[in-house]
Amino acid sequence: MDIFFHPALFREHHRPDSLAAACRQALPRECCGILTGQAGQGAIYVEGFQLLRNTAATPETAFAFDPAQWVETVYRYARAAGTGPALVGLFHSHPQAPAVPSAADMESLWDTPVHLIISLQNNKTPDLRCYLPREGRSWEEQAIRFRSG
């Protein structure tokens, strides 16, 4: 599976509408949400994101989507299938940890289509890593490629 990201969302970390900026704004809490775009013919094109409220008991070290907001978001994208951007993945940040799946991530997110983790350990240069689920509740890191245009 090839995964491509729109460069304006991820490469330009200083932009106020970038994913890295949204994650910085959520500090010291983990930021979380969905990735939107297109999927098909062996490729996923990530073109946008939508923030979801983090309702975890310890939001500085964990995330949990607000259940009502999550259901509404999934329902909205399901109803709009084929007429606009699709829900193609999830993301969350690690304010003080590397951009690798934590033990909690490994247990709870094994069936997501694409998962992006943004580490803010080095706030000047966020570390972005993309993962695909594999059998046995493991994740395989994928190269981050940027789509031109």
C-alpha atoms as a PDB file:
ATOM      1  CA  MET A   1       0.000   0.000   0.000  1.00  0.00           C
ATOM      2  CA  ASP A   2       1.424   3.384  -0.994  1.00  0.00           C
ATOM      3  CA  ILE A   3       0.573   6.334   1.255  1.00  0.00           C
ATOM      4  CA  PHE A   4       0.940   9.926   0.086  1.00  0.00           C
ATOM      5  CA  PHE A   5       0.485  13.099   2.136  1.00  0.00           C
ATOM      6  CA  HIS A   6      -0.344  16.578   0.906  1.00  0.00           C
ATOM      7  CA  PRO A   7       2.826  18.559   1.719  1.00  0.00           C
ATOM      8  CA  ALA A   8       1.087  21.674   3.036  1.00  0.00           C
ATOM      9  CA  LEU A   9      -0.416  19.687   5.906  1.00  0.00           C
ATOM     10  CA  PHE A  10       2.759  18.077   7.147  1.00  0.00           C
ATOM     11  CA  ARG A  11       5.949  19.501   5.690  1.00  0.00           C
ATOM     12  CA  GLU A  12       5.333  23.153   6.578  1.00  0.00           C
ATOM     13  CA  HIS A  13       5.265  22.802  10.367  1.00  0.00           C
ATOM     14  CA  HIS A  14       5.153  26.560  10.963  1.00  0.00           C
ATOM     15  CA  ARG A  15       1.843  27.013   9.115  1.00  0.00           C
ATOM     16  CA  PRO A  16      -1.088  27.587  11.505  1.00  0.00           C
ATOM     17  CA  ASP A  17      -3.219  25.117   9.531  1.00  0.00           C
ATOM     18  CA  SER A  18      -0.638  22.317   9.618  1.00  0.00           C
ATOM     19  CA  LEU A  19      -1.097  19.159  11.629  1.00  0.00           C
ATOM     20  CA  ALA A  20       2.072  19.879  13.622  1.00  0.00           C
ATOM     21  CA  ALA A  21       0.691  23.300  14.616  1.00  0.00           C
ATOM     22  CA  ALA A  22      -2.568  21.724  15.798  1.00  0.00           C
ATOM     23  CA  CYS A  23      -0.592  19.234  17.893  1.00  0.00           C
ATOM     24  CA  ARG A  24       1.516  22.022  19.416  1.00  0.00           C
ATOM     25  CA  GLN A  25      -1.626  23.963  20.276  1.00  0.00           C
ATOM     26  CA  ALA A  26      -2.968  20.968  22.228  1.00  0.00           C
ATOM     27  CA  LEU A  27       0.139  20.760  24.446  1.00  0.00           C
ATOM     28  CA  PRO A  28       0.567  19.436  27.082  1.00  0.00           C
ATOM     29  CA  ARG A  29      -2.265  17.100  26.026  1.00  0.00           C
ATOM     30  CA  GLU A  30      -2.124  14.544  23.241  1.00  0.00           C
ATOM     31  CA  CYS A  31      -3.861  15.774  20.120  1.00  0.00           C
ATOM     32  CA  CYS A  32      -5.999  13.319  18.164  1.00  0.00           C
ATOM     33  CA  GLY A  33      -8.302  13.063  15.198  1.00  0.00           C
ATOM     34  CA  ILE A  34      -8.915  11.658  11.764  1.00  0.00           C
ATOM     35  CA  LEU A  35      -7.053  11.846   8.468  1.00  0.00           C
ATOM     36  CA  THR A  36      -9.130  12.563   5.375  1.00  0.00           C
ATOM     37  CA  GLY A  37      -8.494  12.045   1.693  1.00  0.00           C
ATOM     38  CA  GLN A  38      -8.905   9.353  -0.921  1.00  0.00           C
ATOM     39  CA  ALA A  39      -8.191   5.633  -1.014  1.00  0.00           C
ATOM     40  CA  GLY A  40      -8.142   3.192  -3.874  1.00  0.00           C
ATOM     41  CA  GLN A  41      -6.042   1.200  -6.327  1.00  0.00           C
ATOM     42  CA  GLY A  42      -3.342   0.333  -3.794  1.00  0.00           C
ATOM     43  CA  ALA A  43      -2.802   3.885  -2.557  1.00  0.00           C
ATOM     44  CA  ILE A  44      -4.058   6.252   0.118  1.00  0.00           C
ATOM     45  CA  TYR A  45      -3.868  10.008  -0.399  1.00  0.00           C
ATOM     46  CA  VAL A  46      -4.038  11.990   2.846  1.00  0.00           C
ATOM     47  CA  GLU A  47      -5.175  15.524   2.093  1.00  0.00           C
ATOM     48  CA  GLY A  48      -6.581  16.829   5.360  1.00  0.00           C
ATOM     49  CA  PHE A  49      -7.369  16.220   8.983  1.00  0.00           C
ATOM     50  CA  GLN A  50     -10.089  16.869  11.535  1.00  0.00           C
ATOM     51  CA  LEU A  51      -9.408  17.271  15.228  1.00  0.00           C
ATOM     52  CA  LEU A  52     -11.463  15.255  17.718  1.00  0.00           C
ATOM     53  CA  ARG A  53     -11.722  15.975  21.440  1.00  0.00           C
ATOM     54  CA  ASN A  54      -9.376  13.951  23.623  1.00  0.00           C
ATOM     55  CA  THR A  55     -11.427  12.641  26.544  1.00  0.00           C
ATOM     56  CA  ALA A  56      -8.770  10.339  28.043  1.00  0.00           C
ATOM     57  CA  ALA A  57      -8.505  10.297  31.845  1.00  0.00           C
ATOM     58  CA  THR A  58      -4.820  11.241  31.500  1.00  0.00           C
ATOM     59  CA  PRO A  59      -4.718  13.284  28.259  1.00  0.00           C
ATOM     60  CA  GLU A  60      -1.039  14.192  28.738  1.00  0.00           C
ATOM     61  CA  THR A  61      -0.044  10.565  28.102  1.00  0.00           C
ATOM     62  CA  ALA A  62      -3.045   9.004  26.353  1.00  0.00           C
ATOM     63  CA  PHE A  63      -5.897   9.783  24.027  1.00  0.00           C
ATOM     64  CA  ALA A  64      -9.471   8.674  23.603  1.00  0.00           C
ATOM     65  CA  PHE A  65     -11.878  10.123  21.075  1.00  0.00           C
ATOM     66  CA  ASP A  66     -14.988  11.727  22.501  1.00  0.00           C
ATOM     67  CA  PRO A  67     -17.482   8.873  21.840  1.00  0.00           C
ATOM     68  CA  ALA A  68     -20.344  11.050  20.603  1.00  0.00           C
ATOM     69  CA  GLN A  69     -18.060  13.101  18.358  1.00  0.00           C
ATOM     70  CA  TRP A  70     -16.449   9.917  17.000  1.00  0.00           C
ATOM     71  CA  VAL A  71     -19.803   8.330  16.102  1.00  0.00           C
ATOM     72  CA  GLU A  72     -21.027  11.564  14.478  1.00  0.00           C
ATOM     73  CA  THR A  73     -17.794  11.872  12.455  1.00  0.00           C
ATOM     74  CA  VAL A  74     -17.822   8.268  11.235  1.00  0.00           C
ATOM     75  CA  TYR A  75     -21.522   8.531  10.351  1.00  0.00           C
ATOM     76  CA  ARG A  76     -20.999  11.810   8.450  1.00  0.00           C
ATOM     77  CA  TYR A  77     -18.144  10.360   6.373  1.00  0.00           C
ATOM     78  CA  ALA A  78     -20.061   7.120   5.724  1.00  0.00           C
ATOM     79  CA  ARG A  79     -23.078   9.076   4.436  1.00  0.00           C
ATOM     80  CA  ALA A  80     -20.850  11.187   2.180  1.00  0.00           C
ATOM     81  CA  ALA A  81     -19.000   8.182   0.714  1.00  0.00           C
ATOM     82  CA  GLY A  82     -18.101   8.807  -2.908  1.00  0.00           C
ATOM     83  CA  THR A  83     -19.033  12.494  -2.845  1.00  0.00           C
ATOM     84  CA  GLY A  84     -16.031  14.019  -1.100  1.00  0.00           C
ATOM     85  CA  PRO A  85     -13.054  13.241   1.102  1.00  0.00           C
ATOM     86  CA  ALA A  86     -13.121   9.919   2.926  1.00  0.00           C
ATOM     87  CA  LEU A  87     -11.943   8.977   6.394  1.00  0.00           C
ATOM     88  CA  VAL A  88      -8.632   7.263   5.549  1.00  0.00           C
ATOM     89  CA  GLY A  89      -6.891   7.076   8.920  1.00  0.00           C
ATOM     90  CA  LEU A  90      -6.308   8.333  12.414  1.00  0.00           C
ATOM     91  CA  PHE A  91      -3.610  10.370  14.091  1.00  0.00           C
ATOM     92  CA  HIS A  92      -2.452  11.316  17.547  1.00  0.00           C
ATOM     93  CA  SER A  93       0.501  13.086  19.091  1.00  0.00           C
ATOM     94  CA  HIS A  94       3.060  12.075  21.681  1.00  0.00           C
ATOM     95  CA  PRO A  95       4.002  15.287  23.525  1.00  0.00           C
ATOM     96  CA  GLN A  96       6.968  13.760  25.378  1.00  0.00           C
ATOM     97  CA  ALA A  97       7.542  10.396  23.688  1.00  0.00           C
ATOM     98  CA  PRO A  98       8.909   9.141  20.359  1.00  0.00           C
ATOM     99  CA  ALA A  99       6.636   8.730  17.333  1.00  0.00           C
ATOM    100  CA  VAL A 100       6.356   4.976  17.838  1.00  0.00           C
ATOM    101  CA  PRO A 101       3.271   3.079  19.012  1.00  0.00           C
ATOM    102  CA  SER A 102       3.033   2.813  22.784  1.00  0.00           C
ATOM    103  CA  ALA A 103       1.801  -0.362  24.469  1.00  0.00           C
ATOM    104  CA  ALA A 104      -1.664   1.225  24.734  1.00  0.00           C
ATOM    105  CA  ASP A 105      -1.564   2.146  21.028  1.00  0.00           C
ATOM    106  CA  MET A 106      -0.677  -1.430  20.112  1.00  0.00           C
ATOM    107  CA  GLU A 107      -3.658  -2.762  22.057  1.00  0.00           C
ATOM    108  CA  SER A 108      -6.308  -0.321  20.930  1.00  0.00           C
ATOM    109  CA  LEU A 109      -5.543   0.770  17.385  1.00  0.00           C
ATOM    110  CA  TRP A 110      -4.665  -2.417  15.558  1.00  0.00           C
ATOM    111  CA  ASP A 111      -7.538  -2.198  13.067  1.00  0.00           C
ATOM    112  CA  THR A 112      -7.100   1.367  11.829  1.00  0.00           C
ATOM    113  CA  PRO A 113      -6.483   1.829   8.100  1.00  0.00           C
ATOM    114  CA  VAL A 114      -3.534   4.248   8.502  1.00  0.00           C
ATOM    115  CA  HIS A 115      -2.198   5.714  11.704  1.00  0.00           C
ATOM    116  CA  LEU A 116       0.062   8.741  11.967  1.00  0.00           C
ATOM    117  CA  ILE A 117       1.928   9.516  15.187  1.00  0.00           C
ATOM    118  CA  ILE A 118       3.438  12.966  15.684  1.00  0.00           C
ATOM    119  CA  SER A 119       6.158  13.273  18.328  1.00  0.00           C
ATOM    120  CA  LEU A 120       6.734  16.705  19.820  1.00  0.00           C
ATOM    121  CA  GLN A 121       9.761  15.702  21.909  1.00  0.00           C
ATOM    122  CA  ASN A 122      11.769  18.094  19.757  1.00  0.00           C
ATOM    123  CA  ASN A 123       9.220  20.889  19.385  1.00  0.00           C
ATOM    124  CA  LYS A 124      11.203  22.651  16.650  1.00  0.00           C
ATOM    125  CA  THR A 125      11.123  19.631  14.348  1.00  0.00           C
ATOM    126  CA  PRO A 126       8.184  17.286  14.935  1.00  0.00           C
ATOM    127  CA  ASP A 127       8.804  13.644  14.076  1.00  0.00           C
ATOM    128  CA  LEU A 128       6.028  12.204  11.899  1.00  0.00           C
ATOM    129  CA  ARG A 129       5.704   8.448  11.463  1.00  0.00           C
ATOM    130  CA  CYS A 130       3.062   6.499   9.612  1.00  0.00           C
ATOM    131  CA  TYR A 131       1.942   2.944  10.408  1.00  0.00           C
ATOM    132  CA  LEU A 132      -0.291   0.287   8.880  1.00  0.00           C
ATOM    133  CA  PRO A 133      -1.807  -2.493  10.981  1.00  0.00           C
ATOM    134  CA  ARG A 134      -0.642  -6.065  10.493  1.00  0.00           C
ATOM    135  CA  GLU A 135      -1.966  -9.374  11.759  1.00  0.00           C
ATOM    136  CA  GLY A 136      -1.212 -10.201  15.362  1.00  0.00           C
ATOM    137  CA  ARG A 137      -1.800  -6.666  16.586  1.00  0.00           C
ATOM    138  CA  SER A 138       1.430  -5.302  15.210  1.00  0.00           C
ATOM    139  CA  TRP A 139       2.097  -2.236  13.125  1.00  0.00           C
ATOM    140  CA  GLU A 140       4.450  -1.785  10.200  1.00  0.00           C
ATOM    141  CA  GLU A 141       6.051   1.601   9.676  1.00  0.00           C
ATOM    142  CA  GLN A 142       5.487   3.100   6.232  1.00  0.00           C
ATOM    143  CA  ALA A 143       7.519   5.701   4.375  1.00  0.00           C
ATOM    144  CA  ILE A 144       5.997   9.163   4.386  1.00  0.00           C
ATOM    145  CA  ARG A 145       5.768  10.359   0.813  1.00  0.00           C
ATOM    146  CA  PHE A 146       4.516  13.721  -0.250  1.00  0.00           C
ATOM    147  CA  ARG A 147       2.083  14.131  -3.093  1.00  0.00           C
ATOM    148  CA  SER A 148       2.760  17.014  -5.444  1.00  0.00           C
ATOM    149  CA  GLY A 149      -0.071  19.226  -6.562  1.00  0.00           C
END
